[in-house]
Structure formats: structure tokens, C-alpha cells
Amino acid sequence: MSEEKSGLQSFARGVSWMSTTAVLSRLLATIGGVLLLRILNKGDYGLMQMATITIQTVGLVRDLGMGPALVAMKKDIQKAANTAFYTYLGTALITLVILWTFAGPISNGLFKEPQLVPILQMAALSVLFSSLAAVPLNLMLKSERWRAYAIIDSLHAPVSSFTMVILAYQGLGVWSIVYGNLAGVILQCVLAWILGRWRPQLQFDWGMLKNLFKFGKWVTVDRVCDYTFTSADNYYLAIARGKESLGLYGVAYRWVEIPIQFIVMRANRAMFSVLSAMESEEARKRLMLKSNKIMTFLLNPIYMFLMFNAALFTEVVAGEKWLESAPILQWLCALAILRVTTAVTIGPYYWANNSPQLAVYPQFAGLLLIGIAYASGWQLTALQVAQLFTMAYVVRSLVIVLWLPFKYGFKWSEVFGLLFSAAIPGAIAGWLSMLSASALPVAPAFKLLSALFVWGNLYLIFYSLIQFRRPFTLHTPSAWKKMMRDFKSGGGKRKEEAAEENPTEGGIV
């Protein structure tokens, strides 16, 4: 079996396990999240968002990039794991002390929200538990133990969500979110140690730490830049607009983050693990193209649907009080499409080819645009913030994609396919689903269901026509198997060839 085929199968197993369990997990969590939206107010979400971004900011460099560095390590794995574990533990304790000590100045001085102090202190405990679980989880990724990792990873969201709902019904308000998140992190930590096959030894090697940090420093820089992309908007709104505006923005961001956190980021981890184990650069190149095609086929149309049906989706799922977030959701969906295209496979491809700077430098280009906008002194609304960050991500994505033909000799047709192969049919299907739903004289919930039906069918038809030059035979297992075979082979047969082999194939069922 070729290295490329073996890598693609391993990636497919990893994404299958992690994404399937994550989808089921997120489905349960979404039910809880919808119930929570109808109980809590914008201020509750805003306060928790303030605590979250503070913890994430302080914890940016707490692990020094040890996790990905450990996955990429080729030898002395036990020594590296022990060194990484005690590094995680030490930096987590330092982070915890900082958050507990400066909770008052941060809450009162930066956000001007005194009630944030105890919330921030309690929420900070999640840093310790996530650090304790980090090494066992990363070793699972390294050894491609997808099933164990998926089980652990998938339980966090539903446990957190339903704990929040139960506590919210008891009248705990924002504390229901705090305790719910903490419950999920603790469960994840316990399961990582139960299902993990690794136990730490009393061993710490400064030379190994130096080797890990040599790779991890780029991870840290990339993480800081990416975090700036995903959190500077929240900071601006928290400071300049207040907790209600931040809560409104956060709800729109929540829907966008669901596929990213539970499919995109998991696929990213699987891709990096698989690519790091491959020796052939050509095999890595072909695997990256094929896996990107699969992921954009699955995810880009989801965001296109939300983009065109944002108002209807928000009204039905969250309620009319959140309708102001619909335009924000539309712009953030455009940003998410760019993240799917570049984050899942292109970034890990650069890392696996020992060119991490090619994944990091494009971050600077987008951040420059954000910095210019903030330095200009504009008073931005939540919608304008979403527009600004989407434009910045356009700049970042163009730079990271353009490295491919200039640095690694990719064809321009391949680059074009990365960007538009799923976006064009997704946009057509999303637009037509919006028109069909708006024309129906029925309740909003039925409009949304009809839009989903129209979108799903039309997307498959248009995608198949564009990619394989024939309409896709819907609703049959054999058709889906053929679609995946086409992905693996780089495309289906021409329509004429297919007609000669099977004159009845190609119809719409």
C-alpha cells in the first residue's frame, strides 16, 4: 500500500471517529444551548465571554507549543512526554496564580464589571484540568488512537451543555455557564487518564525541553496570532461596547464555531499527525489536496446555507430577541469558509514540511489590517467588527494559499479548486434555498425545514455537475460510495464514458 493511500485512510479514520462522535456530541449540546439561550440574557453571555477571553489570553503561552511538538517528535518519546507534562503543569499553576491575583484589576479596570471577579477566578480552574489532560491526549493523536481520543473529546460538550441548562433552570444565571464548562473539562481530564496508556515518570530533561521549544515556538507564535484573529473582536466589543453587544456578537459566533471546533479543529489534528508520519513530500502534497477537497465538500455548504438563511435560522432556533445577530452571522460565515479552506489541511501541510513560518507569516498580513483599523480610532459596531475581521481573514487566506504555487509548485488549477470547488455550488444552493423558503406562506419553522431540504438536494446536484460533469444520484448508499471513490481518484469519469458503461446511470432519483 502506498504511503499516500495509507495516509488518506488513516486521516479518514481519524476524521470519521472524531467528527462523527463530535457531531453527535454537538447535536446534544446544541439542544442544550438552544434551551440556554431562552433562559439567559445577553448580559450573562457577555460576562462569560469576558472571562473566557481573559483565560485564553493569559494561557496562550502556558504550554509553549508542547502538544504539537510532541506529536511531531520522532524519537525519545517517553522523555519528551515527561518533560512536556511537567512543563504543562508548571505553566498551568503560574497561569492560575496570575488569574486569581489579578482578577480584580482585570474585572474592574479593563472591563468595568465588578461581578466578573469571582466568575473569572472559578473559571480559571479549567486551565489546570486541561493541562493535566494535554499529554495523554496528544500521545493518543501521535499513536493515531482515534477512537479513544474521539470518546474523550466528544463528551465535553453535552456534559457541559446539559449541566448549564439544569443549573440555569435553578436560577444560577451566568454561574450555570461557569460550572457547566468546568464540569466538562474535569470529565475530559479524568477520562484522558483512564483511557490513556501513558503515566508520567520523575524525569525532566532541559535539552529535550529545548528541542520541543524549537518546534513549539512557532506553534506559540501561530497560536498568538490566530488567537488575536479570533479574540481581538471580543476584546474590542467588551471594552468599547459593553456586555450586551458582546453577548449579541457571541451568539452569532457560537453558531459559526460549532463546525470549526467539532470538525475542523479535529480534522486539523488528524491531518497534522498523519502528515508528520509521512516521508514523501509528493505523497503529502496529494494527500493535502484530496483531504481538502473532502473537508470543503462537507463544510463549506453548511456555512453557505447559514449565510443566506441567517435571519430565518436565528428566528427559529434562538428566538426573535436575537435577530440583531443575523447580519453578524452572515459575515462570520464568510470568515468561517476561509478558515475551513486554509486551516484544516494547508496549515498542517506547511508544518509537516518543516516550513511553519509559511503558516505564521500570513497571520501578520491580516493582523496589520486589523491594527490599522483599530489605530484609526473608528467606533465600530458589532456588525462592522465582523466585517473587518472577515476582510482581514481574506488577506490572510490569500497569502497562505499563494505560497502553494510559488513555494511547492502546485498548479493554479489546484489552487483554484481549493478555494472554489465547494463554495460555488454551495452559494447557488444556499441562494435558491433562501428564495424558495421566502416564497412559502407557512410558519418560520416550516420555512427553515423546506430551505434545508432544497439546499441539501441542490448542493449535491450542482457539486456533481461541476466536479464530475453529471448529476449526482441521490439517496442511495452506492452513490455515496462512488462519490468517495471519485474523491480518492481525483475525479470521476467523463459523462460519455459513464454512459457507455451504464446507460441508466446519471439520473436523479
Protein backbone atom coordinates (compact mmCIF):
# COMPACT_ATOMS: atom_id res chain seq x y z
CA MET A 1 0.00 0.00 0.00
CA SER A 2 1.38 3.40 -0.97
CA GLU A 3 2.21 5.95 1.70
CA GLU A 4 -0.33 8.37 0.24
CA LYS A 5 -3.15 5.82 0.30
CA SER A 6 -2.23 4.67 3.80
CA GLY A 7 -2.13 8.28 4.99
CA LEU A 8 -5.50 9.07 3.42
CA GLN A 9 -7.07 6.04 5.07
CA SER A 10 -5.62 6.97 8.46
CA PHE A 11 -6.82 10.57 8.04
CA ALA A 12 -10.27 9.31 7.02
CA ARG A 13 -10.44 7.06 10.09
CA GLY A 14 -9.33 9.88 12.34
CA VAL A 15 -11.79 12.39 10.93
CA SER A 16 -14.53 9.76 10.86
CA TRP A 17 -14.12 8.85 14.53
CA MET A 18 -13.55 12.36 15.81
CA SER A 19 -16.10 14.10 13.61
CA THR A 20 -18.87 11.52 13.92
CA THR A 21 -18.69 11.50 17.69
CA ALA A 22 -18.30 15.27 17.67
CA VAL A 23 -21.39 15.75 15.52
CA LEU A 24 -23.45 13.58 17.84
CA SER A 25 -21.92 15.42 20.78
CA ARG A 26 -22.64 18.81 19.27
CA LEU A 27 -26.20 17.80 18.38
CA LEU A 28 -26.92 17.12 22.05
CA ALA A 29 -25.01 20.22 23.10
CA THR A 30 -26.90 22.36 20.60
CA ILE A 31 -30.22 21.25 22.07
CA GLY A 32 -28.96 22.31 25.47
CA GLY A 33 -27.56 25.54 24.01
CA VAL A 34 -30.92 26.48 22.47
CA LEU A 35 -32.65 25.90 25.81
CA LEU A 36 -29.99 28.00 27.49
CA LEU A 37 -30.48 30.88 25.04
CA ARG A 38 -34.13 31.06 26.03
CA ILE A 39 -33.31 31.20 29.74
CA LEU A 40 -30.31 33.52 29.96
CA ASN A 41 -29.92 37.09 28.72
CA LYS A 42 -27.28 38.92 26.66
CA GLY A 43 -25.51 40.16 29.78
CA ASP A 44 -24.95 36.62 31.11
CA TYR A 45 -23.32 35.57 27.85
CA GLY A 46 -21.29 38.76 27.77
CA LEU A 47 -19.88 38.19 31.27
CA MET A 48 -18.87 34.62 30.48
CA GLN A 49 -17.32 35.75 27.20
CA MET A 50 -15.21 38.28 29.14
CA ALA A 51 -13.98 35.53 31.48
CA THR A 52 -13.28 33.16 28.60
CA ILE A 53 -11.19 35.55 26.52
CA THR A 54 -9.22 36.60 29.61
CA ILE A 55 -8.35 33.00 30.49
CA GLN A 56 -7.44 32.22 26.90
CA THR A 57 -5.23 35.30 26.66
CA VAL A 58 -3.27 34.55 29.83
CA GLY A 59 -2.98 30.89 28.84
CA LEU A 60 -1.72 31.47 25.31
CA VAL A 61 1.88 30.56 26.05
CA ARG A 62 1.30 28.31 29.05
CA ASP A 63 2.26 25.11 27.18
CA LEU A 64 4.91 26.68 24.89
CA GLY A 65 3.58 24.63 21.96
CA MET A 66 4.49 21.35 23.65
CA GLY A 67 1.48 19.41 22.32
CA PRO A 68 2.14 19.68 18.54
CA ALA A 69 5.88 19.39 19.19
CA LEU A 70 5.27 16.10 20.99
CA VAL A 71 3.18 14.80 18.08
CA ALA A 72 5.95 15.71 15.62
CA MET A 73 8.70 14.09 17.76
CA LYS A 74 10.37 11.09 16.07
CA LYS A 75 12.39 9.60 18.95
CA ASP A 76 12.81 9.66 22.76
CA ILE A 77 9.04 9.89 23.09
CA GLN A 78 8.89 8.91 26.77
CA LYS A 79 11.48 11.52 27.75
CA ALA A 80 9.68 14.13 25.66
CA ALA A 81 6.31 13.24 27.19
CA ASN A 82 7.63 13.52 30.75
CA THR A 83 9.29 16.85 30.01
CA ALA A 84 6.14 18.18 28.34
CA PHE A 85 3.93 17.03 31.21
CA TYR A 86 5.88 18.90 33.89
CA THR A 87 6.11 21.94 31.62
CA TYR A 88 2.34 21.90 31.23
CA LEU A 89 1.86 21.52 34.98
CA GLY A 90 4.27 24.32 35.90
CA THR A 91 2.91 26.86 33.43
CA ALA A 92 -0.69 25.97 34.37
CA LEU A 93 -0.02 26.71 38.04
CA ILE A 94 1.63 30.02 37.11
CA THR A 95 -1.36 30.91 34.93
CA LEU A 96 -3.75 30.03 37.74
CA VAL A 97 -1.90 32.24 40.22
CA ILE A 98 -1.89 35.16 37.76
CA LEU A 99 -5.62 34.89 37.12
CA TRP A 100 -6.51 34.65 40.81
CA THR A 101 -4.20 37.52 41.74
CA PHE A 102 -5.24 39.94 39.01
CA ALA A 103 -8.93 39.03 38.71
CA GLY A 104 -9.89 42.27 40.47
CA PRO A 105 -7.82 44.69 38.33
CA ILE A 106 -8.87 42.92 35.14
CA SER A 107 -12.57 42.95 36.00
CA ASN A 108 -12.74 46.45 37.47
CA GLY A 109 -10.10 48.21 35.40
CA LEU A 110 -10.33 46.64 31.96
CA PHE A 111 -13.96 45.55 31.66
CA LYS A 112 -15.50 47.70 34.42
CA GLU A 113 -17.57 44.73 35.60
CA PRO A 114 -17.03 44.06 39.36
CA GLN A 115 -19.27 40.98 39.30
CA LEU A 116 -16.77 39.35 36.92
CA VAL A 117 -14.16 38.80 39.69
CA PRO A 118 -15.47 35.53 41.25
CA ILE A 119 -16.57 34.27 37.83
CA LEU A 120 -13.07 34.70 36.45
CA GLN A 121 -11.44 33.03 39.46
CA MET A 122 -13.69 29.98 39.33
CA ALA A 123 -13.49 29.62 35.56
CA ALA A 124 -9.67 29.73 35.77
CA LEU A 125 -9.65 26.25 37.32
CA SER A 126 -10.32 24.85 33.85
CA VAL A 127 -6.71 25.74 32.92
CA LEU A 128 -5.31 23.27 35.46
CA PHE A 129 -7.52 20.35 34.43
CA SER A 130 -6.99 20.88 30.69
CA SER A 131 -3.21 20.98 31.26
CA LEU A 132 -3.28 17.69 33.17
CA ALA A 133 -5.04 16.03 30.24
CA ALA A 134 -2.85 17.54 27.49
CA VAL A 135 -0.03 14.97 27.27
CA PRO A 136 -2.25 11.83 27.31
CA LEU A 137 -4.46 13.35 24.62
CA ASN A 138 -1.55 14.38 22.39
CA LEU A 139 0.01 10.92 22.71
CA MET A 140 -3.29 9.45 21.53
CA LEU A 141 -3.07 11.66 18.45
CA LYS A 142 0.54 10.67 17.84
CA SER A 143 -0.21 6.96 18.02
CA GLU A 144 -3.41 7.51 15.95
CA ARG A 145 -5.69 6.12 18.65
CA TRP A 146 -8.61 7.92 17.06
CA ARG A 147 -11.40 6.04 18.84
CA ALA A 148 -10.14 6.69 22.37
CA TYR A 149 -9.44 10.33 21.57
CA ALA A 150 -12.88 10.77 19.99
CA ILE A 151 -14.67 9.29 23.00
CA ILE A 152 -12.91 11.64 25.40
CA ASP A 153 -13.21 14.66 23.17
CA SER A 154 -16.89 14.22 22.39
CA LEU A 155 -18.22 14.06 25.94
CA HIS A 156 -17.17 17.58 26.94
CA ALA A 157 -19.85 19.49 25.04
CA PRO A 158 -23.03 17.58 26.01
CA VAL A 159 -21.98 17.26 29.65
CA SER A 160 -21.19 20.97 29.82
CA SER A 161 -24.34 22.00 27.99
CA PHE A 162 -26.85 20.00 29.98
CA THR A 163 -25.17 20.92 33.26
CA MET A 164 -25.64 24.54 32.23
CA VAL A 165 -29.32 24.02 31.41
CA ILE A 166 -30.07 22.26 34.70
CA LEU A 167 -28.31 24.96 36.72
CA ALA A 168 -29.89 27.76 34.65
CA TYR A 169 -33.35 26.38 35.42
CA GLN A 170 -32.36 26.56 39.09
CA GLY A 171 -31.78 30.30 38.65
CA LEU A 172 -27.97 30.40 38.75
CA GLY A 173 -27.71 32.71 35.73
CA VAL A 174 -24.15 33.19 34.47
CA TRP A 175 -22.84 30.73 37.08
CA SER A 176 -24.62 27.93 35.21
CA ILE A 177 -22.20 28.55 32.30
CA VAL A 178 -19.18 28.66 34.62
CA TYR A 179 -19.98 25.40 36.40
CA GLY A 180 -21.08 23.69 33.19
CA ASN A 181 -17.79 24.41 31.43
CA LEU A 182 -15.82 23.28 34.45
CA ALA A 183 -17.77 20.01 34.67
CA GLY A 184 -16.92 19.20 31.05
CA VAL A 185 -13.21 19.93 31.46
CA ILE A 186 -12.94 17.81 34.63
CA LEU A 187 -14.68 14.86 32.95
CA GLN A 188 -12.33 15.16 29.96
CA CYS A 189 -9.29 15.12 32.26
CA VAL A 190 -10.49 12.05 34.19
CA LEU A 191 -11.21 10.09 31.01
CA ALA A 192 -7.83 11.03 29.50
CA TRP A 193 -6.08 9.39 32.43
CA ILE A 194 -8.38 6.35 32.49
CA LEU A 195 -8.20 5.59 28.76
CA GLY A 196 -4.66 6.82 28.20
CA ARG A 197 -1.83 4.27 28.20
CA TRP A 198 0.78 6.68 29.48
CA ARG A 199 1.81 7.57 33.02
CA PRO A 200 4.42 10.22 33.90
CA GLN A 201 7.80 9.39 35.38
CA LEU A 202 10.02 11.60 37.53
CA GLN A 203 12.06 12.79 34.57
CA PHE A 204 12.70 16.27 33.21
CA ASP A 205 15.33 16.99 30.59
CA TRP A 206 16.34 20.57 29.78
CA GLY A 207 17.85 19.51 26.47
CA MET A 208 14.57 17.87 25.49
CA LEU A 209 12.68 20.99 26.54
CA LYS A 210 14.93 23.00 24.23
CA ASN A 211 14.21 20.61 21.34
CA LEU A 212 10.48 20.73 21.99
CA PHE A 213 10.51 24.51 22.22
CA LYS A 214 12.47 24.79 18.95
CA PHE A 215 9.36 23.47 17.21
CA GLY A 216 6.90 24.74 19.79
CA LYS A 217 7.94 28.40 19.49
CA TRP A 218 6.38 28.52 16.03
CA VAL A 219 3.26 26.87 17.41
CA THR A 220 3.13 29.53 20.11
CA VAL A 221 3.58 32.40 17.64
CA ASP A 222 0.94 30.92 15.36
CA ARG A 223 -1.39 30.41 18.32
CA VAL A 224 -0.95 34.01 19.50
CA CYS A 225 -1.68 35.34 16.00
CA ASP A 226 -4.66 33.07 15.49
CA TYR A 227 -5.99 33.96 18.91
CA THR A 228 -5.71 37.63 18.03
CA PHE A 229 -7.83 36.93 14.97
CA THR A 230 -10.46 35.13 17.00
CA SER A 231 -10.47 37.27 20.15
CA ALA A 232 -9.49 40.86 19.35
CA ASP A 233 -13.06 41.38 18.15
CA ASN A 234 -14.40 40.19 21.51
CA TYR A 235 -12.00 42.40 23.43
CA TYR A 236 -12.95 45.45 21.42
CA LEU A 237 -16.66 44.91 21.92
CA ALA A 238 -16.24 44.13 25.62
CA ILE A 239 -14.29 47.34 26.26
CA ALA A 240 -15.89 49.72 23.76
CA ARG A 241 -19.48 48.43 23.54
CA GLY A 242 -20.27 46.54 26.75
CA LYS A 243 -21.53 43.12 27.70
CA GLU A 244 -24.82 43.19 25.76
CA SER A 245 -23.14 43.97 22.46
CA LEU A 246 -20.56 41.30 23.19
CA GLY A 247 -23.31 38.83 24.05
CA LEU A 248 -25.06 39.54 20.74
CA TYR A 249 -21.83 39.04 18.82
CA GLY A 250 -21.00 35.94 20.85
CA VAL A 251 -24.26 34.19 19.97
CA ALA A 252 -23.61 34.62 16.23
CA TYR A 253 -20.03 33.47 16.75
CA ARG A 254 -21.30 30.42 18.66
CA TRP A 255 -23.11 29.01 15.62
CA VAL A 256 -20.11 29.60 13.38
CA GLU A 257 -17.74 27.91 15.82
CA ILE A 258 -19.72 24.67 16.10
CA PRO A 259 -18.40 23.03 12.89
CA ILE A 260 -14.96 24.62 13.40
CA GLN A 261 -14.47 23.34 16.94
CA PHE A 262 -16.02 19.93 16.44
CA ILE A 263 -14.97 19.05 12.89
CA VAL A 264 -12.38 21.49 11.53
CA MET A 265 -10.04 21.51 14.53
CA ARG A 266 -10.28 17.75 14.93
CA ALA A 267 -9.53 17.23 11.25
CA ASN A 268 -6.60 19.61 11.65
CA ARG A 269 -5.15 17.49 14.46
CA ALA A 270 -5.63 14.27 12.50
CA MET A 271 -4.07 15.78 9.37
CA PHE A 272 -1.01 17.04 11.21
CA SER A 273 -0.49 13.64 12.86
CA VAL A 274 -0.76 11.78 9.55
CA LEU A 275 1.36 14.21 7.52
CA SER A 276 4.08 14.26 10.19
CA ALA A 277 4.44 10.48 9.90
CA MET A 278 4.84 10.54 6.09
CA GLU A 279 8.26 10.61 4.45
CA SER A 280 7.41 11.52 0.86
CA GLU A 281 6.76 15.18 0.07
CA GLU A 282 4.82 14.24 -3.05
CA ALA A 283 2.58 11.92 -1.01
CA ARG A 284 1.94 14.74 1.48
CA LYS A 285 1.02 17.03 -1.41
CA ARG A 286 -1.52 14.65 -2.92
CA LEU A 287 -2.99 13.81 0.49
CA MET A 288 -3.41 17.50 1.30
CA LEU A 289 -5.33 18.15 -1.93
CA LYS A 290 -7.64 15.18 -1.52
CA SER A 291 -8.38 15.78 2.15
CA ASN A 292 -9.02 19.47 1.50
CA LYS A 293 -11.49 18.54 -1.21
CA ILE A 294 -13.35 16.24 1.17
CA MET A 295 -13.49 18.74 4.04
CA THR A 296 -14.63 21.68 1.91
CA PHE A 297 -17.25 19.45 0.27
CA LEU A 298 -18.68 18.67 3.69
CA LEU A 299 -18.39 22.04 5.46
CA ASN A 300 -18.46 24.95 3.01
CA PRO A 301 -22.11 24.38 2.01
CA ILE A 302 -23.15 24.47 5.67
CA TYR A 303 -21.81 27.98 6.02
CA MET A 304 -23.31 29.00 2.69
CA PHE A 305 -26.70 27.85 3.93
CA LEU A 306 -26.34 29.83 7.16
CA MET A 307 -25.11 32.88 5.25
CA PHE A 308 -28.19 33.04 3.02
CA ASN A 309 -30.69 31.95 5.68
CA ALA A 310 -29.21 33.69 8.73
CA ALA A 311 -32.33 35.64 9.72
CA LEU A 312 -34.67 32.65 9.37
CA PHE A 313 -32.26 30.37 11.23
CA THR A 314 -31.81 32.85 14.08
CA GLU A 315 -35.54 33.47 14.46
CA VAL A 316 -36.42 29.77 14.58
CA VAL A 317 -33.53 28.46 16.66
CA ALA A 318 -32.67 31.29 19.06
CA GLY A 319 -35.82 33.42 19.05
CA GLU A 320 -36.77 36.88 17.85
CA LYS A 321 -34.81 38.65 20.62
CA TRP A 322 -31.58 37.55 18.91
CA LEU A 323 -32.49 38.68 15.36
CA GLU A 324 -29.97 41.53 15.58
CA SER A 325 -27.24 38.92 15.40
CA ALA A 326 -28.32 37.63 11.94
CA PRO A 327 -26.23 40.12 9.84
CA ILE A 328 -23.24 39.38 12.10
CA LEU A 329 -23.76 35.68 11.47
CA GLN A 330 -23.68 36.24 7.71
CA TRP A 331 -20.26 37.90 7.77
CA LEU A 332 -18.82 35.40 10.23
CA CYS A 333 -19.95 32.56 7.94
CA ALA A 334 -17.82 34.06 5.16
CA LEU A 335 -14.88 34.14 7.57
CA ALA A 336 -15.53 30.51 8.56
CA ILE A 337 -15.43 29.36 4.92
CA LEU A 338 -11.94 30.81 4.65
CA ARG A 339 -10.90 29.09 7.88
CA VAL A 340 -12.14 25.73 6.63
CA THR A 341 -10.25 26.16 3.35
CA THR A 342 -6.92 27.10 4.93
CA ALA A 343 -6.87 25.70 8.46
CA VAL A 344 -7.67 22.01 8.03
CA THR A 345 -5.03 20.95 5.53
CA ILE A 346 -2.87 23.78 4.16
CA GLY A 347 -1.54 24.88 7.56
CA PRO A 348 -0.64 21.32 8.67
CA TYR A 349 0.95 20.74 5.25
CA TYR A 350 3.41 23.58 5.88
CA TRP A 351 4.11 22.34 9.39
CA ALA A 352 4.73 18.78 8.22
CA ASN A 353 7.15 20.09 5.56
CA ASN A 354 9.17 21.88 8.27
CA SER A 355 8.05 25.28 6.97
CA PRO A 356 5.96 26.55 9.90
CA GLN A 357 6.80 30.16 9.03
CA LEU A 358 4.67 29.83 5.87
CA ALA A 359 1.65 29.22 8.09
CA VAL A 360 2.60 32.01 10.52
CA TYR A 361 3.64 34.91 8.27
CA PRO A 362 0.20 35.21 6.58
CA GLN A 363 -1.23 35.89 10.03
CA PHE A 364 0.80 39.10 10.19
CA ALA A 365 -0.73 40.39 6.95
CA GLY A 366 -4.27 40.09 8.26
CA LEU A 367 -3.37 41.45 11.69
CA LEU A 368 -1.83 44.52 10.04
CA LEU A 369 -5.22 45.39 8.54
CA ILE A 370 -6.92 44.97 11.94
CA GLY A 371 -4.26 47.09 13.63
CA ILE A 372 -4.69 49.91 11.11
CA ALA A 373 -8.46 49.90 11.63
CA TYR A 374 -8.17 49.97 15.43
CA ALA A 375 -5.45 52.63 15.38
CA SER A 376 -7.64 54.88 13.23
CA GLY A 377 -9.99 55.37 16.17
CA TRP A 378 -13.14 54.24 14.37
CA GLN A 379 -16.08 53.48 16.65
CA LEU A 380 -17.14 50.12 15.30
CA THR A 381 -20.45 48.38 15.87
CA ALA A 382 -20.65 44.60 16.31
CA LEU A 383 -21.55 44.21 12.63
CA GLN A 384 -18.63 46.38 11.49
CA VAL A 385 -16.27 44.34 13.67
CA ALA A 386 -17.47 41.17 11.90
CA GLN A 387 -16.90 42.84 8.53
CA LEU A 388 -13.40 44.00 9.49
CA PHE A 389 -12.27 40.59 10.67
CA THR A 390 -13.70 38.89 7.61
CA MET A 391 -11.70 41.21 5.35
CA ALA A 392 -8.58 40.55 7.43
CA TYR A 393 -9.09 36.82 7.02
CA VAL A 394 -9.44 37.28 3.25
CA VAL A 395 -5.96 38.84 3.24
CA ARG A 396 -4.55 36.08 5.45
CA SER A 397 -6.07 33.30 3.36
CA LEU A 398 -4.84 34.69 0.05
CA VAL A 399 -1.29 34.85 1.36
CA ILE A 400 -1.30 31.33 2.83
CA VAL A 401 -2.75 29.86 -0.38
CA LEU A 402 -0.36 31.71 -2.68
CA TRP A 403 2.64 30.01 -1.05
CA LEU A 404 1.49 26.75 -2.66
CA PRO A 405 2.29 27.53 -6.33
CA PHE A 406 5.34 29.69 -5.62
CA LYS A 407 6.98 27.54 -2.95
CA TYR A 408 5.84 23.99 -3.72
CA GLY A 409 4.90 24.11 -7.40
CA PHE A 410 1.17 23.50 -7.13
CA LYS A 411 -0.82 24.10 -10.32
CA TRP A 412 -3.05 27.17 -10.40
CA SER A 413 -5.99 24.92 -11.24
CA GLU A 414 -5.36 23.05 -7.98
CA VAL A 415 -5.25 26.33 -6.04
CA PHE A 416 -8.48 27.46 -7.68
CA GLY A 417 -10.07 24.14 -6.69
CA LEU A 418 -9.03 24.59 -3.08
CA LEU A 419 -10.79 27.95 -2.94
CA PHE A 420 -13.92 27.47 -5.02
CA SER A 421 -14.73 23.80 -5.74
CA ALA A 422 -17.35 23.61 -2.97
CA ALA A 423 -18.04 27.34 -2.46
CA ILE A 424 -19.66 27.93 -5.87
CA PRO A 425 -22.26 25.10 -5.75
CA GLY A 426 -22.80 25.87 -2.05
CA ALA A 427 -23.58 29.51 -2.82
CA ILE A 428 -26.00 28.62 -5.61
CA ALA A 429 -27.83 26.08 -3.43
CA GLY A 430 -27.92 28.47 -0.44
CA TRP A 431 -29.33 31.33 -2.51
CA LEU A 432 -32.03 29.17 -4.10
CA SER A 433 -32.99 27.70 -0.71
CA MET A 434 -33.48 31.24 0.63
CA LEU A 435 -35.71 32.19 -2.32
CA SER A 436 -37.80 29.04 -2.00
CA ALA A 437 -38.30 29.50 1.75
CA SER A 438 -39.29 33.16 1.44
CA ALA A 439 -41.97 32.26 -1.11
CA LEU A 440 -43.76 29.81 1.17
CA PRO A 441 -46.78 31.13 3.19
CA VAL A 442 -46.04 28.93 6.23
CA ALA A 443 -44.64 29.30 9.73
CA PRO A 444 -40.88 30.11 10.06
CA ALA A 445 -40.04 26.63 11.36
CA PHE A 446 -41.51 25.01 8.24
CA LYS A 447 -39.74 27.55 6.05
CA LEU A 448 -36.43 26.54 7.63
CA LEU A 449 -37.13 22.84 7.09
CA SER A 450 -38.05 23.43 3.44
CA ALA A 451 -34.90 25.53 2.97
CA LEU A 452 -32.78 22.69 4.37
CA PHE A 453 -34.39 20.18 2.03
CA VAL A 454 -33.94 22.36 -1.06
CA TRP A 455 -30.37 23.31 -0.11
CA GLY A 456 -29.20 19.73 0.56
CA ASN A 457 -30.52 18.34 -2.71
CA LEU A 458 -29.47 21.24 -4.92
CA TYR A 459 -25.97 21.35 -3.47
CA LEU A 460 -25.31 17.71 -4.32
CA ILE A 461 -26.69 18.21 -7.82
CA PHE A 462 -24.66 21.33 -8.60
CA TYR A 463 -21.49 19.97 -6.98
CA SER A 464 -21.67 16.79 -9.02
CA LEU A 465 -22.37 18.69 -12.24
CA ILE A 466 -19.38 20.99 -11.69
CA GLN A 467 -16.93 18.38 -10.40
CA PHE A 468 -17.91 15.22 -12.27
CA ARG A 469 -19.94 16.62 -15.21
CA ARG A 470 -23.02 14.58 -14.40
CA PRO A 471 -25.86 14.90 -11.90
CA PHE A 472 -25.48 13.05 -8.64
CA THR A 473 -27.78 10.08 -7.99
CA LEU A 474 -29.30 10.98 -4.65
CA HIS A 475 -30.41 8.95 -1.66
CA THR A 476 -28.55 5.68 -2.39
CA PRO A 477 -25.60 4.21 -0.45
CA SER A 478 -23.88 3.17 -3.69
CA ALA A 479 -23.96 6.78 -4.88
CA TRP A 480 -22.18 8.00 -1.76
CA LYS A 481 -19.56 5.25 -2.11
CA LYS A 482 -18.98 6.31 -5.70
CA MET A 483 -18.62 9.94 -4.63
CA MET A 484 -15.88 8.98 -2.15
CA ARG A 485 -14.13 6.86 -4.79
CA ASP A 486 -14.16 9.88 -7.08
CA PHE A 487 -12.56 11.96 -4.35
CA LYS A 488 -9.78 9.42 -3.85
CA SER A 489 -9.09 9.08 -7.57
CA GLY A 490 -9.10 12.84 -8.13
CA GLY A 491 -12.38 12.96 -10.08
CA GLY A 492 -14.99 10.82 -11.76
CA LYS A 493 -15.09 9.54 -15.29
CA ARG A 494 -16.32 11.75 -18.04
CA LYS A 495 -20.04 11.71 -18.65
CA GLU A 496 -19.64 9.98 -22.01
CA GLU A 497 -17.55 7.17 -20.53
CA ALA A 498 -20.03 6.63 -17.72
CA ALA A 499 -22.92 6.50 -20.18
CA GLU A 500 -21.17 3.82 -22.25
CA GLU A 501 -20.63 1.63 -19.19
CA ASN A 502 -24.09 2.14 -17.73
CA PRO A 503 -26.70 3.84 -19.92
CA THR A 504 -29.10 4.28 -16.97
CA GLU A 505 -26.57 5.90 -14.61
CA GLY A 506 -26.64 9.63 -14.06
CA GLY A 507 -30.36 10.13 -13.47
CA ILE A 508 -31.82 11.90 -10.46
CA VAL A 509 -33.66 9.61 -8.09
